[in-house]
Protein backbone atom coordinates (compact mmCIF):
# COMPACT_ATOMS: atom_id res chain seq x y z
CA MET A 1 48.60 -24.75 71.01
CA ALA A 2 51.25 -27.43 70.87
CA THR A 3 52.69 -28.46 74.23
CA LEU A 4 55.30 -30.82 72.87
CA LEU A 5 57.94 -30.32 70.22
CA GLN A 6 56.31 -30.87 66.88
CA THR A 7 57.65 -33.07 64.15
CA ARG A 8 58.89 -31.60 60.93
CA GLN A 9 55.93 -30.99 58.65
CA GLU A 10 57.08 -28.58 55.98
CA PRO A 11 60.39 -27.38 54.56
CA ALA A 12 62.00 -24.25 55.92
CA SER A 13 61.74 -21.01 53.98
CA TRP A 14 63.95 -17.95 54.07
CA ARG A 15 61.37 -16.38 56.37
CA ASP A 16 62.03 -19.11 58.92
CA TYR A 17 65.74 -18.36 58.92
CA LEU A 18 65.01 -14.65 59.16
CA GLU A 19 62.77 -15.36 62.17
CA LEU A 20 65.64 -17.21 63.83
CA THR A 21 67.54 -13.93 63.99
CA LYS A 22 64.75 -12.10 65.90
CA PRO A 23 64.90 -9.19 63.43
CA ARG A 24 62.81 -6.75 65.50
CA VAL A 25 65.06 -7.17 68.52
CA VAL A 26 68.18 -6.86 66.36
CA LEU A 27 66.78 -3.72 64.72
CA LEU A 28 66.39 -2.02 68.11
CA MET A 29 69.92 -3.08 69.03
CA LEU A 30 71.27 -1.65 65.77
CA ILE A 31 69.56 1.67 66.40
CA THR A 32 71.42 1.95 69.72
CA SER A 33 74.64 0.82 68.04
CA LEU A 34 74.17 3.42 65.32
CA VAL A 35 73.63 6.16 67.89
CA GLY A 36 76.77 5.02 69.72
CA MET A 37 78.73 5.41 66.48
CA PHE A 38 77.50 8.94 65.75
CA LEU A 39 77.96 10.10 69.34
CA ALA A 40 81.57 8.90 69.27
CA THR A 41 82.77 11.49 66.77
CA ARG A 42 82.27 15.05 65.60
CA ALA A 43 83.87 14.39 62.23
CA GLY A 44 81.37 11.91 60.82
CA VAL A 45 81.47 8.12 60.77
CA PRO A 46 83.35 6.54 57.82
CA TRP A 47 80.86 4.81 55.57
CA THR A 48 82.72 1.49 55.77
CA VAL A 49 82.43 1.48 59.57
CA LEU A 50 78.82 2.66 59.42
CA LEU A 51 77.77 -0.05 56.98
CA PHE A 52 79.97 -3.02 57.76
CA GLY A 53 80.32 -2.28 61.47
CA ASN A 54 76.57 -2.35 62.02
CA LEU A 55 76.20 -5.30 59.67
CA GLY A 56 78.81 -7.22 61.66
CA ILE A 57 77.13 -6.39 64.98
CA GLY A 58 73.74 -7.33 63.53
CA LEU A 59 74.97 -10.66 62.17
CA CYS A 60 76.48 -11.59 65.53
CA ALA A 61 73.28 -10.59 67.31
CA GLY A 62 71.27 -12.67 64.85
CA GLY A 63 73.56 -15.63 65.47
CA ALA A 64 73.03 -15.34 69.23
CA ALA A 65 69.26 -15.18 68.66
CA ALA A 66 69.36 -18.37 66.58
CA VAL A 67 71.16 -20.17 69.42
CA ASN A 68 68.40 -18.94 71.73
CA HIS A 69 65.80 -20.61 69.47
CA VAL A 70 67.61 -23.94 69.81
CA VAL A 71 68.27 -23.84 73.54
CA ASP A 72 64.76 -22.61 74.37
CA ARG A 73 62.84 -24.89 72.03
CA ARG A 74 61.21 -26.84 74.89
CA ILE A 75 60.16 -23.62 76.61
CA ASP A 76 58.95 -22.14 73.33
CA SER A 77 56.71 -25.15 72.71
CA ILE A 78 54.76 -24.33 75.89
CA MET A 79 54.30 -20.59 75.42
CA ALA A 80 51.53 -19.15 73.23
CA ARG A 81 53.68 -16.46 71.61
CA THR A 82 56.55 -18.79 70.65
CA TYR A 83 55.23 -22.29 69.92
CA LYS A 84 55.20 -21.63 66.17
CA ARG A 85 58.88 -20.64 66.01
CA PRO A 86 60.82 -22.47 63.27
CA VAL A 87 62.86 -24.83 65.48
CA THR A 88 60.00 -25.55 67.88
CA ALA A 89 57.57 -26.23 65.05
CA GLY A 90 60.09 -28.50 63.33
CA ARG A 91 60.58 -26.45 60.19
CA VAL A 92 64.27 -25.94 60.99
CA SER A 93 66.28 -28.63 62.75
CA PRO A 94 68.41 -27.74 65.79
CA VAL A 95 71.58 -28.69 63.91
CA ALA A 96 70.67 -26.49 60.94
CA ALA A 97 69.86 -23.59 63.26
CA LEU A 98 73.19 -23.93 65.08
CA LEU A 99 75.09 -24.09 61.79
CA PHE A 100 73.22 -20.99 60.64
CA ALA A 101 74.12 -19.24 63.91
CA ALA A 102 77.79 -20.16 63.53
CA VAL A 103 77.91 -18.84 59.96
CA LEU A 104 76.26 -15.55 60.97
CA ALA A 105 78.61 -15.08 63.92
CA LEU A 106 81.70 -15.89 61.86
CA MET A 107 80.68 -13.52 59.06
CA GLY A 108 79.96 -10.80 61.59
CA LEU A 109 83.32 -11.16 63.31
CA ILE A 110 85.16 -11.16 59.97
CA LEU A 111 83.42 -7.91 58.98
CA LEU A 112 84.24 -6.29 62.32
CA LEU A 113 87.89 -7.37 62.19
CA THR A 114 88.20 -6.18 58.60
CA PHE A 115 86.38 -2.85 58.71
CA THR A 116 86.51 -1.73 62.35
CA ASN A 117 89.01 -2.95 64.94
CA GLU A 118 89.90 -5.92 67.11
CA LEU A 119 88.44 -4.47 70.32
CA ALA A 120 85.02 -4.00 68.69
CA ALA A 121 85.14 -7.56 67.35
CA TRP A 122 86.08 -9.18 70.66
CA LEU A 123 83.56 -7.12 72.63
CA THR A 124 80.87 -8.20 70.17
CA LEU A 125 81.93 -11.82 70.58
CA ALA A 126 81.78 -11.44 74.38
CA SER A 127 78.27 -9.98 74.08
CA LEU A 128 77.21 -12.87 71.82
CA LEU A 129 78.51 -15.46 74.27
CA GLY A 130 77.00 -13.60 77.22
CA TYR A 131 73.54 -13.79 75.70
CA ALA A 132 73.67 -17.17 73.94
CA VAL A 133 75.62 -19.11 76.58
CA LEU A 134 75.53 -17.34 79.96
CA TYR A 135 71.97 -15.98 79.87
CA THR A 136 70.13 -18.44 77.61
CA GLY A 137 72.03 -21.55 78.66
CA PHE A 138 72.34 -20.92 82.40
CA LEU A 139 70.96 -17.78 84.04
CA LYS A 140 67.46 -17.96 82.54
CA ARG A 141 66.83 -21.25 84.34
CA ALA A 142 68.94 -20.62 87.43
CA THR A 143 67.75 -17.43 89.13
CA PRO A 144 64.85 -14.93 89.14
CA GLN A 145 67.52 -12.25 88.73
CA ASN A 146 68.34 -13.74 85.31
CA ILE A 147 67.32 -10.67 83.34
CA VAL A 148 69.24 -8.31 85.63
CA ILE A 149 72.51 -10.23 85.43
CA GLY A 150 72.15 -11.26 81.80
CA GLY A 151 70.93 -7.85 80.73
CA LEU A 152 74.48 -6.58 80.37
CA ALA A 153 74.92 -8.54 77.13
CA GLY A 154 71.85 -6.93 75.61
CA ALA A 155 72.98 -3.50 76.78
CA ALA A 156 76.28 -3.63 74.87
CA PRO A 157 75.34 -2.35 71.35
CA PRO A 158 75.96 1.40 71.94
CA LEU A 159 79.37 0.53 73.39
CA LEU A 160 80.08 -1.70 70.38
CA GLY A 161 79.15 1.10 67.99
CA TRP A 162 81.30 3.62 69.87
CA VAL A 163 84.31 1.30 69.98
CA ALA A 164 83.89 0.42 66.29
CA VAL A 165 84.55 4.11 65.54
CA THR A 166 87.11 5.04 68.19
CA GLY A 167 88.89 1.79 68.99
CA HIS A 168 88.74 2.44 72.73
CA ILE A 169 86.34 2.41 75.69
CA SER A 170 85.42 5.62 77.52
CA ALA A 171 82.89 6.81 80.08
CA GLU A 172 80.27 8.05 77.60
CA PRO A 173 79.43 4.71 75.94
CA LEU A 174 79.47 2.99 79.32
CA LEU A 175 76.79 5.44 80.40
CA LEU A 176 74.72 4.44 77.37
CA VAL A 177 75.17 0.81 78.40
CA LEU A 178 74.02 1.72 81.91
CA ILE A 179 70.84 3.27 80.53
CA ILE A 180 69.88 0.07 78.69
CA PHE A 181 71.00 -2.05 81.65
CA ALA A 182 68.63 -0.14 83.96
CA TRP A 183 65.85 -0.21 81.32
CA THR A 184 65.94 -3.99 80.83
CA PRO A 185 64.35 -5.19 84.13
CA PRO A 186 61.20 -3.03 83.99
CA HIS A 187 60.92 -3.75 80.27
CA PHE A 188 61.15 -7.52 80.61
CA TRP A 189 59.44 -7.98 83.98
CA ALA A 190 56.34 -6.26 82.62
CA LEU A 191 56.19 -8.95 79.92
CA ALA A 192 56.92 -11.63 82.52
CA ILE A 193 53.87 -10.53 84.54
CA HIS A 194 51.73 -10.71 81.41
CA ARG A 195 53.09 -14.20 80.64
CA LYS A 196 53.37 -15.38 84.25
CA ALA A 197 51.27 -18.54 83.83
CA GLU A 198 53.27 -19.65 80.79
CA TYR A 199 56.63 -19.10 82.50
CA ALA A 200 55.37 -21.08 85.50
CA LYS A 201 54.24 -23.90 83.23
CA ALA A 202 57.66 -23.91 81.55
CA ASP A 203 59.36 -23.96 84.99
CA ILE A 204 61.30 -20.77 84.31
CA PRO A 205 62.05 -18.82 87.53
CA MET A 206 60.95 -15.39 86.37
CA LEU A 207 60.46 -12.92 89.19
CA PRO A 208 56.61 -12.88 89.16
CA VAL A 209 56.65 -16.69 89.28
CA THR A 210 59.07 -17.00 92.20
CA HIS A 211 58.18 -13.88 94.22
CA GLY A 212 54.70 -12.92 93.08
CA GLU A 213 53.27 -10.09 91.03
CA HIS A 214 53.21 -7.45 93.77
CA TYR A 215 56.90 -7.94 94.53
CA THR A 216 57.68 -7.71 90.81
CA LYS A 217 55.61 -4.54 90.39
CA VAL A 218 57.47 -2.89 93.27
CA HIS A 219 60.78 -3.73 91.62
CA ILE A 220 59.56 -2.49 88.23
CA LEU A 221 58.74 0.84 89.86
CA LEU A 222 62.11 1.00 91.66
CA TYR A 223 64.10 0.13 88.54
CA THR A 224 62.12 2.67 86.53
CA LEU A 225 63.10 5.35 89.07
CA ILE A 226 66.74 4.26 88.77
CA MET A 227 66.49 4.30 84.98
CA PHE A 228 64.92 7.76 85.04
CA ALA A 229 67.81 9.08 87.14
CA VAL A 230 70.44 7.41 84.94
CA THR A 231 68.96 8.91 81.76
CA LEU A 232 69.60 12.39 83.16
CA LEU A 233 73.34 11.75 83.48
CA PRO A 234 74.21 12.48 79.81
CA TYR A 235 72.98 16.02 80.40
CA ALA A 236 74.71 16.22 83.79
CA ILE A 237 78.12 15.37 82.29
CA HIS A 238 77.57 17.68 79.27
CA MET A 239 77.37 14.75 76.87
CA SER A 240 74.03 16.10 75.64
CA GLY A 241 72.03 19.33 75.81
CA ALA A 242 68.59 20.73 76.53
CA LEU A 243 66.81 18.89 73.70
CA TYR A 244 67.81 15.52 75.08
CA LEU A 245 67.04 16.59 78.66
CA GLY A 246 63.52 17.63 77.71
CA CYS A 247 62.88 14.38 75.86
CA ALA A 248 64.34 12.30 78.70
CA LEU A 249 62.07 14.03 81.21
CA VAL A 250 58.93 13.60 79.10
CA LEU A 251 59.64 10.03 78.03
CA GLY A 252 60.81 9.01 81.49
CA GLY A 253 57.79 10.65 83.10
CA ARG A 254 55.53 8.59 80.86
CA PHE A 255 57.43 5.42 81.77
CA LEU A 256 57.02 6.24 85.46
CA HIS A 257 53.31 6.75 84.83
CA TRP A 258 52.99 3.26 83.38
CA ALA A 259 55.07 1.75 86.18
CA TRP A 260 52.76 3.43 88.72
CA VAL A 261 49.64 2.28 86.87
CA LEU A 262 51.01 -1.24 86.88
CA TYR A 263 51.89 -1.03 90.58
CA ARG A 264 48.41 0.23 91.50
CA ASP A 265 46.74 -2.21 89.10
CA SER A 266 44.50 0.68 88.08
CA GLN A 267 44.05 -0.19 84.40
CA PRO A 268 43.40 -3.45 82.54
CA HIS A 269 46.29 -4.90 80.55
CA ALA A 270 48.74 -2.57 82.32
CA ALA A 271 51.60 -5.10 82.15
CA ILE A 272 51.58 -5.58 78.39
CA ASN A 273 50.97 -1.86 77.82
CA THR A 274 53.98 -1.05 79.99
CA PHE A 275 56.04 -3.54 77.98
CA LYS A 276 54.93 -2.05 74.65
CA TYR A 277 55.65 1.49 75.79
CA SER A 278 59.10 0.49 77.03
CA ILE A 279 60.13 -0.47 73.48
CA TRP A 280 59.06 2.89 72.08
CA TYR A 281 60.70 4.59 75.04
CA LEU A 282 64.16 3.22 74.32
CA PHE A 283 63.85 3.90 70.59
CA LEU A 284 62.77 7.52 71.10
CA LEU A 285 65.30 8.18 73.85
CA PHE A 286 68.21 7.18 71.63
CA ILE A 287 66.78 9.14 68.71
CA ALA A 288 66.69 12.15 71.05
CA LEU A 289 70.36 11.56 71.92
CA LEU A 290 71.21 11.54 68.23
CA ALA A 291 69.18 14.63 67.38
CA ASP A 292 70.65 16.53 70.32
CA HIS A 293 74.18 15.55 69.26
CA TYR A 294 73.74 17.13 65.82
CA LEU A 295 71.99 20.14 67.27
CA LEU A 296 75.00 20.77 69.51
CA LEU A 297 77.35 20.38 66.54
CA ASN A 298 75.45 23.08 64.65
CA LEU A 299 75.37 25.62 67.48
């Protein structure tokens, strides 16, 4: 594994530029944005908003991810899962990556301003800056609570989707934001435990590095309990029905199981397994929200 930034060895391909956008992360964000759009209306989402709204949000998210590649290139060169990234490996220069990020963000904002509304565009811009500047540029290196504070930017997509359709903010999309906000710490801290040695080597103050694994496991369990309670609120406020409630209970119970296994250290590889499950958890929970929404419409 390379420990220093590598020199440019081969020309960049389109796959390198696609990797800059972190497509898997953006895909999960777009699923939550899409659900936010459909939950916002009973009349159906206009196809222009559905297509160009999500495309605009995705382009802005990809632009923020490309900035992350540039800012974190020293850290990425130390960590086993990231040292081959395009900027770190020298296939894409930092300047080219930043120009690519700027083009993506500009295109995304133009699409949002043209096909949705100004509030959706400016909220998306705020989310982009929150992740690319506040979290990546400052919080990540400043405090072990980085992922808690900076998690708000990553929690914004369902609100962005809702606002793209309605043009205003209301309690329901903020609740969806709160679900992702509460999900983020146990999701990311599980990975941080698995990669503790690498974060320590990179001098990044992740919670397991600064406070130890036991402390982090306790907080993963506590945040999972908070998340579980928050996910029941859509049913409590009659935003969703019995289908969603059942799925939330089953999925949340499984998440609590993994958090408890991790806390007790009762299975090997519990940290990375908790992290992997957390991704499926969020995907399935939002799919359940969407399915329940259309079930209610048909009753």
